[in-house]
Amino acid sequence: MLALISKEKIIDSLRDLPEETTIEEAMERLYLLAKIEKGITQADKGQCISHEEERVFHLRGGDII
């Protein structure tokens, strides 16, 4: 699922980059923004687990609870 991001958020994110920057740095910034927006959307939909559930998951060696 692709994260929908407003054009204003994209522009603001790119404005924060240094005046001299690379395409790769801009792409990394936009990729990070997309990942954050996706995470927020998933959390809003309840598609997340608690810290305790994650801790137990890893203590069990990654076995599904």
C-alpha atoms as a PDB file:
ATOM      1  CA  MET A   1       0.000   0.000   0.000  1.00  0.00           C
ATOM      2  CA  LEU A   2       1.371   3.382  -0.992  1.00  0.00           C
ATOM      3  CA  ALA A   3       1.137   6.213   1.490  1.00  0.00           C
ATOM      4  CA  LEU A   4      -0.799   9.247   0.301  1.00  0.00           C
ATOM      5  CA  ILE A   5       1.050  12.410   1.249  1.00  0.00           C
ATOM      6  CA  SER A   6      -0.009  15.982   0.619  1.00  0.00           C
ATOM      7  CA  LYS A   7       2.073  17.956  -1.851  1.00  0.00           C
ATOM      8  CA  GLU A   8       2.649  20.531   0.892  1.00  0.00           C
ATOM      9  CA  LYS A   9       4.264  17.915   3.200  1.00  0.00           C
ATOM     10  CA  ILE A  10       6.495  16.767   0.349  1.00  0.00           C
ATOM     11  CA  ILE A  11       7.579  20.311  -0.478  1.00  0.00           C
ATOM     12  CA  ASP A  12       8.182  21.139   3.205  1.00  0.00           C
ATOM     13  CA  SER A  13      10.309  18.011   3.577  1.00  0.00           C
ATOM     14  CA  LEU A  14      12.434  18.954   0.575  1.00  0.00           C
ATOM     15  CA  ARG A  15      12.741  22.570   1.722  1.00  0.00           C
ATOM     16  CA  ASP A  16      14.464  21.328   4.887  1.00  0.00           C
ATOM     17  CA  LEU A  17      17.316  19.824   2.848  1.00  0.00           C
ATOM     18  CA  PRO A  18      20.564  21.767   2.510  1.00  0.00           C
ATOM     19  CA  GLU A  19      20.802  24.154  -0.459  1.00  0.00           C
ATOM     20  CA  GLU A  20      23.369  21.843  -2.087  1.00  0.00           C
ATOM     21  CA  THR A  21      22.085  18.266  -1.943  1.00  0.00           C
ATOM     22  CA  THR A  22      21.965  15.129  -4.031  1.00  0.00           C
ATOM     23  CA  ILE A  23      19.026  13.427  -5.692  1.00  0.00           C
ATOM     24  CA  GLU A  24      19.731  10.426  -3.450  1.00  0.00           C
ATOM     25  CA  GLU A  25      19.386  12.542  -0.290  1.00  0.00           C
ATOM     26  CA  ALA A  26      16.078  13.954  -1.542  1.00  0.00           C
ATOM     27  CA  MET A  27      14.825  10.471  -2.387  1.00  0.00           C
ATOM     28  CA  GLU A  28      15.847   9.177   1.055  1.00  0.00           C
ATOM     29  CA  ARG A  29      13.980  12.054   2.693  1.00  0.00           C
ATOM     30  CA  LEU A  30      10.834  11.315   0.678  1.00  0.00           C
ATOM     31  CA  TYR A  31      11.124   7.577   1.361  1.00  0.00           C
ATOM     32  CA  LEU A  32      11.358   8.272   5.109  1.00  0.00           C
ATOM     33  CA  LEU A  33       8.336  10.573   4.916  1.00  0.00           C
ATOM     34  CA  ALA A  34       6.360   7.863   3.104  1.00  0.00           C
ATOM     35  CA  LYS A  35       7.312   5.245   5.721  1.00  0.00           C
ATOM     36  CA  ILE A  36       6.284   7.555   8.566  1.00  0.00           C
ATOM     37  CA  GLU A  37       2.948   8.344   6.912  1.00  0.00           C
ATOM     38  CA  LYS A  38       2.323   4.641   6.286  1.00  0.00           C
ATOM     39  CA  GLY A  39       3.053   3.865   9.950  1.00  0.00           C
ATOM     40  CA  ILE A  40       0.682   6.585  11.131  1.00  0.00           C
ATOM     41  CA  THR A  41      -2.051   5.258   8.823  1.00  0.00           C
ATOM     42  CA  GLN A  42      -1.536   1.701  10.093  1.00  0.00           C
ATOM     43  CA  ALA A  43      -1.631   2.855  13.716  1.00  0.00           C
ATOM     44  CA  ASP A  44      -4.837   4.810  13.070  1.00  0.00           C
ATOM     45  CA  LYS A  45      -6.395   1.621  11.654  1.00  0.00           C
ATOM     46  CA  GLY A  46      -5.268  -0.400  14.680  1.00  0.00           C
ATOM     47  CA  GLN A  47      -2.780  -2.397  12.600  1.00  0.00           C
ATOM     48  CA  CYS A  48      -0.080  -2.410  15.243  1.00  0.00           C
ATOM     49  CA  ILE A  49       1.053  -4.407  18.243  1.00  0.00           C
ATOM     50  CA  SER A  50       1.933  -3.248  21.723  1.00  0.00           C
ATOM     51  CA  HIS A  51       5.497  -3.023  22.963  1.00  0.00           C
ATOM     52  CA  GLU A  52       4.791  -5.959  25.282  1.00  0.00           C
ATOM     53  CA  GLU A  53       3.546  -8.132  22.378  1.00  0.00           C
ATOM     54  CA  GLU A  54       6.683  -7.294  20.390  1.00  0.00           C
ATOM     55  CA  ARG A  55       8.918  -8.077  23.378  1.00  0.00           C
ATOM     56  CA  VAL A  56       7.265 -11.465  23.926  1.00  0.00           C
ATOM     57  CA  PHE A  57       7.521 -12.189  20.189  1.00  0.00           C
ATOM     58  CA  HIS A  58      11.287 -11.684  20.259  1.00  0.00           C
ATOM     59  CA  LEU A  59      11.773 -13.518  23.559  1.00  0.00           C
ATOM     60  CA  ARG A  60      10.153 -16.543  21.965  1.00  0.00           C
ATOM     61  CA  GLY A  61      12.608 -16.401  19.112  1.00  0.00           C
ATOM     62  CA  GLY A  62      10.248 -14.728  16.696  1.00  0.00           C
ATOM     63  CA  ASP A  63       7.511 -17.371  16.921  1.00  0.00           C
ATOM     64  CA  ILE A  64       4.016 -16.071  16.372  1.00  0.00           C
ATOM     65  CA  ILE A  65       2.109 -15.881  19.641  1.00  0.00           C
END
